[in-house]
C-alpha atoms as a PDB file:
ATOM      1  CA  MET A   1       0.000   0.000   0.000  1.00  0.00           C
ATOM      2  CA  PHE A   2       1.284   3.459  -0.914  1.00  0.00           C
ATOM      3  CA  LEU A   3       1.641   5.749   2.083  1.00  0.00           C
ATOM      4  CA  THR A   4       1.743   9.516   1.875  1.00  0.00           C
ATOM      5  CA  GLU A   5       4.697  10.971   3.720  1.00  0.00           C
ATOM      6  CA  LEU A   6       4.152  14.213   5.616  1.00  0.00           C
ATOM      7  CA  ARG A   7       6.931  16.156   7.296  1.00  0.00           C
ATOM      8  CA  GLY A   8       6.699  19.055   9.623  1.00  0.00           C
ATOM      9  CA  VAL A   9       8.178  20.987  12.499  1.00  0.00           C
ATOM     10  CA  GLY A  10       6.051  22.015  15.417  1.00  0.00           C
ATOM     11  CA  ARG A  11       4.276  21.043  18.577  1.00  0.00           C
ATOM     12  CA  VAL A  12       3.617  17.331  19.032  1.00  0.00           C
ATOM     13  CA  THR A  13       1.694  15.860  21.959  1.00  0.00           C
ATOM     14  CA  VAL A  14       2.652  12.263  22.776  1.00  0.00           C
ATOM     15  CA  PHE A  15       0.276  10.249  24.950  1.00  0.00           C
ATOM     16  CA  PRO A  16      -0.661   6.669  25.831  1.00  0.00           C
ATOM     17  CA  LEU A  17      -3.874   5.229  24.449  1.00  0.00           C
ATOM     18  CA  GLU A  18      -4.440   1.698  25.666  1.00  0.00           C
ATOM     19  CA  HIS A  19      -1.361  -0.274  24.557  1.00  0.00           C
ATOM     20  CA  LEU A  20      -0.241   2.375  22.045  1.00  0.00           C
ATOM     21  CA  THR A  21       1.947   5.442  22.131  1.00  0.00           C
ATOM     22  CA  VAL A  22       0.185   8.054  20.030  1.00  0.00           C
ATOM     23  CA  ALA A  23       1.350  11.410  18.682  1.00  0.00           C
ATOM     24  CA  TYR A  24      -0.902  14.332  17.803  1.00  0.00           C
ATOM     25  CA  THR A  25      -0.065  17.436  15.847  1.00  0.00           C
ATOM     26  CA  THR A  26      -1.754  19.752  13.407  1.00  0.00           C
ATOM     27  CA  ARG A  27      -0.983  20.801   9.903  1.00  0.00           C
ATOM     28  CA  SER A  28      -2.394  23.426   7.603  1.00  0.00           C
ATOM     29  CA  GLY A  29      -3.749  22.324   4.258  1.00  0.00           C
ATOM     30  CA  ASP A  30      -2.663  25.633   2.743  1.00  0.00           C
ATOM     31  CA  GLY A  31      -0.612  28.710   3.556  1.00  0.00           C
ATOM     32  CA  ARG A  32      -2.973  30.086   6.217  1.00  0.00           C
ATOM     33  CA  GLY A  33      -1.410  28.030   9.012  1.00  0.00           C
ATOM     34  CA  LEU A  34      -4.743  27.267  10.651  1.00  0.00           C
ATOM     35  CA  GLY A  35      -3.977  23.662  11.551  1.00  0.00           C
ATOM     36  CA  GLU A  36      -7.211  22.360  10.110  1.00  0.00           C
ATOM     37  CA  VAL A  37      -5.666  18.949   9.469  1.00  0.00           C
ATOM     38  CA  GLY A  38      -5.335  16.807  12.595  1.00  0.00           C
ATOM     39  CA  VAL A  39      -2.492  14.291  12.442  1.00  0.00           C
ATOM     40  CA  VAL A  40      -2.946  11.399  14.885  1.00  0.00           C
ATOM     41  CA  ALA A  41      -0.364   8.665  14.494  1.00  0.00           C
ATOM     42  CA  VAL A  42       1.052   5.691  16.296  1.00  0.00           C
ATOM     43  CA  VAL A  43       4.675   6.219  17.314  1.00  0.00           C
ATOM     44  CA  GLY A  44       7.012   3.427  16.341  1.00  0.00           C
ATOM     45  CA  GLU A  45       7.629   0.988  13.571  1.00  0.00           C
ATOM     46  CA  ARG A  46       5.005  -1.595  14.469  1.00  0.00           C
ATOM     47  CA  GLY A  47       1.907   0.552  14.085  1.00  0.00           C
ATOM     48  CA  ASP A  48       0.221   1.770  10.943  1.00  0.00           C
ATOM     49  CA  GLY A  49      -2.556   3.931  12.407  1.00  0.00           C
ATOM     50  CA  GLU A  50      -5.388   1.486  11.882  1.00  0.00           C
ATOM     51  CA  GLU A  51      -5.080   0.616  15.575  1.00  0.00           C
ATOM     52  CA  VAL A  52      -6.630   3.946  16.586  1.00  0.00           C
ATOM     53  CA  TRP A  53      -9.625   3.283  14.336  1.00  0.00           C
ATOM     54  CA  ARG A  54     -10.116  -0.130  15.963  1.00  0.00           C
ATOM     55  CA  LEU A  55      -9.957   1.511  19.400  1.00  0.00           C
ATOM     56  CA  ALA A  56     -12.559   4.067  18.308  1.00  0.00           C
ATOM     57  CA  GLN A  57     -14.860   1.234  17.375  1.00  0.00           C
ATOM     58  CA  GLY A  58     -14.117  -0.976  20.382  1.00  0.00           C
ATOM     59  CA  LEU A  59     -13.603   1.457  23.261  1.00  0.00           C
ATOM     60  CA  GLY A  60     -15.581   4.325  21.833  1.00  0.00           C
ATOM     61  CA  GLY A  61     -18.439   2.117  20.693  1.00  0.00           C
ATOM     62  CA  ARG A  62     -18.462   4.001  17.417  1.00  0.00           C
ATOM     63  CA  VAL A  63     -19.429   2.247  14.222  1.00  0.00           C
ATOM     64  CA  HIS A  64     -19.826   5.149  11.801  1.00  0.00           C
ATOM     65  CA  GLY A  65     -16.660   6.614  10.260  1.00  0.00           C
ATOM     66  CA  GLN A  66     -17.555  10.187  11.244  1.00  0.00           C
ATOM     67  CA  GLU A  67     -18.111   9.129  14.870  1.00  0.00           C
ATOM     68  CA  GLN A  68     -14.848   7.204  14.914  1.00  0.00           C
ATOM     69  CA  ALA A  69     -12.919  10.179  13.542  1.00  0.00           C
ATOM     70  CA  ARG A  70     -14.456  12.487  16.149  1.00  0.00           C
ATOM     71  CA  TRP A  71     -13.599   9.996  18.923  1.00  0.00           C
ATOM     72  CA  ILE A  72      -9.970   9.861  17.755  1.00  0.00           C
ATOM     73  CA  LEU A  73      -9.732  13.660  17.637  1.00  0.00           C
ATOM     74  CA  THR A  74     -11.364  13.914  21.061  1.00  0.00           C
ATOM     75  CA  GLN A  75      -8.717  11.643  22.596  1.00  0.00           C
ATOM     76  CA  ALA A  76      -5.917  13.633  20.962  1.00  0.00           C
ATOM     77  CA  SER A  77      -7.375  17.030  21.887  1.00  0.00           C
ATOM     78  CA  ARG A  78      -7.999  15.880  25.446  1.00  0.00           C
ATOM     79  CA  ALA A  79      -4.393  14.745  25.797  1.00  0.00           C
ATOM     80  CA  ARG A  80      -3.182  18.153  24.632  1.00  0.00           C
ATOM     81  CA  VAL A  81      -5.519  20.137  26.889  1.00  0.00           C
ATOM     82  CA  VAL A  82      -4.766  18.080  30.000  1.00  0.00           C
ATOM     83  CA  ALA A  83      -1.057  18.779  29.532  1.00  0.00           C
ATOM     84  CA  ALA A  84      -0.167  15.749  31.646  1.00  0.00           C
ATOM     85  CA  PHE A  85       1.595  14.073  28.751  1.00  0.00           C
ATOM     86  CA  THR A  86       4.754  14.733  26.772  1.00  0.00           C
ATOM     87  CA  GLU A  87       4.751  17.996  24.852  1.00  0.00           C
ATOM     88  CA  LEU A  88       7.466  18.285  22.247  1.00  0.00           C
ATOM     89  CA  ARG A  89       7.974  21.821  20.936  1.00  0.00           C
ATOM     90  CA  ASP A  90       9.540  22.694  17.607  1.00  0.00           C
ATOM     91  CA  VAL A  91      10.272  19.049  16.909  1.00  0.00           C
ATOM     92  CA  LYS A  92      10.825  17.624  13.441  1.00  0.00           C
ATOM     93  CA  TRP A  93       8.384  14.818  12.705  1.00  0.00           C
ATOM     94  CA  THR A  94       7.594  12.511   9.829  1.00  0.00           C
ATOM     95  CA  ALA A  95       4.210  10.860   9.441  1.00  0.00           C
ATOM     96  CA  TYR A  96       3.403   8.018   7.088  1.00  0.00           C
ATOM     97  CA  VAL A  97      -0.286   8.513   6.426  1.00  0.00           C
ATOM     98  CA  ARG A  98      -2.372   5.434   5.849  1.00  0.00           C
ATOM     99  CA  ARG A  99      -5.799   7.050   6.021  1.00  0.00           C
ATOM    100  CA  ARG A 100      -7.120  10.522   5.211  1.00  0.00           C
ATOM    101  CA  PHE A 101     -10.650  11.201   6.447  1.00  0.00           C
ATOM    102  CA  VAL A 102     -12.662  14.318   5.594  1.00  0.00           C
ATOM    103  CA  LEU A 103     -15.037  15.304   8.399  1.00  0.00           C
ATOM    104  CA  ASP A 104     -18.600  16.294   7.529  1.00  0.00           C
ATOM    105  CA  ALA A 105     -18.287  19.394   9.736  1.00  0.00           C
ATOM    106  CA  LEU A 106     -15.529  21.223  11.581  1.00  0.00           C
ATOM    107  CA  PHE A 107     -14.608  19.292  14.747  1.00  0.00           C
ATOM    108  CA  ALA A 108     -11.973  20.333  17.290  1.00  0.00           C
ATOM    109  CA  ASN A 109     -10.945  22.937  14.722  1.00  0.00           C
ATOM    110  CA  HIS A 110     -10.206  20.230  12.151  1.00  0.00           C
ATOM    111  CA  GLU A 111     -11.673  19.619   8.722  1.00  0.00           C
ATOM    112  CA  VAL A 112      -9.548  16.541   8.002  1.00  0.00           C
ATOM    113  CA  LEU A 113      -8.098  13.734  10.122  1.00  0.00           C
ATOM    114  CA  VAL A 114      -5.079  11.815   8.912  1.00  0.00           C
ATOM    115  CA  THR A 115      -3.820   8.724  10.701  1.00  0.00           C
ATOM    116  CA  GLY A 116      -0.799   6.524  10.313  1.00  0.00           C
ATOM    117  CA  ARG A 117       2.613   6.064  11.871  1.00  0.00           C
ATOM    118  CA  MET A 118       4.919   8.816  13.092  1.00  0.00           C
ATOM    119  CA  GLU A 119       8.654   8.992  13.578  1.00  0.00           C
ATOM    120  CA  LEU A 120      10.043  11.421  16.118  1.00  0.00           C
ATOM    121  CA  PRO A 121      13.711  12.252  16.757  1.00  0.00           C
ATOM    122  CA  VAL A 122      13.526  11.134  20.390  1.00  0.00           C
ATOM    123  CA  THR A 123      13.884   7.698  21.863  1.00  0.00           C
ATOM    124  CA  ARG A 124      10.863   5.807  23.128  1.00  0.00           C
ATOM    125  CA  ALA A 125      12.377   5.845  26.618  1.00  0.00           C
ATOM    126  CA  SER A 126      12.149   9.646  26.729  1.00  0.00           C
ATOM    127  CA  LEU A 127       8.471   9.549  25.794  1.00  0.00           C
END
């Protein structure tokens, strides 16, 4: 399967979600810098991002794609707001996007959710 590679520099929130380590950041789809694209990705080589969709269905009890996407964004936004998890500032990241999902309405300031796997320049032990 072809994966889209996204690269960026910015704020990344890293948090645990069940048995996963998940990273959340935002990206602008154009030059405005609004961050309307939410990037939620599993950190590490073993994940491909589909795990968060399965959690949305299993833990979140969501069966509809829109509901699952909103559940995923809620978990990521909550982790950022709580500020109890790792906040990486001005970090270079690379995401390998497996799924791009367009929301039917703006949610958590996002129009699009992309999920996949993310590489960060820090070791797992420091997360």
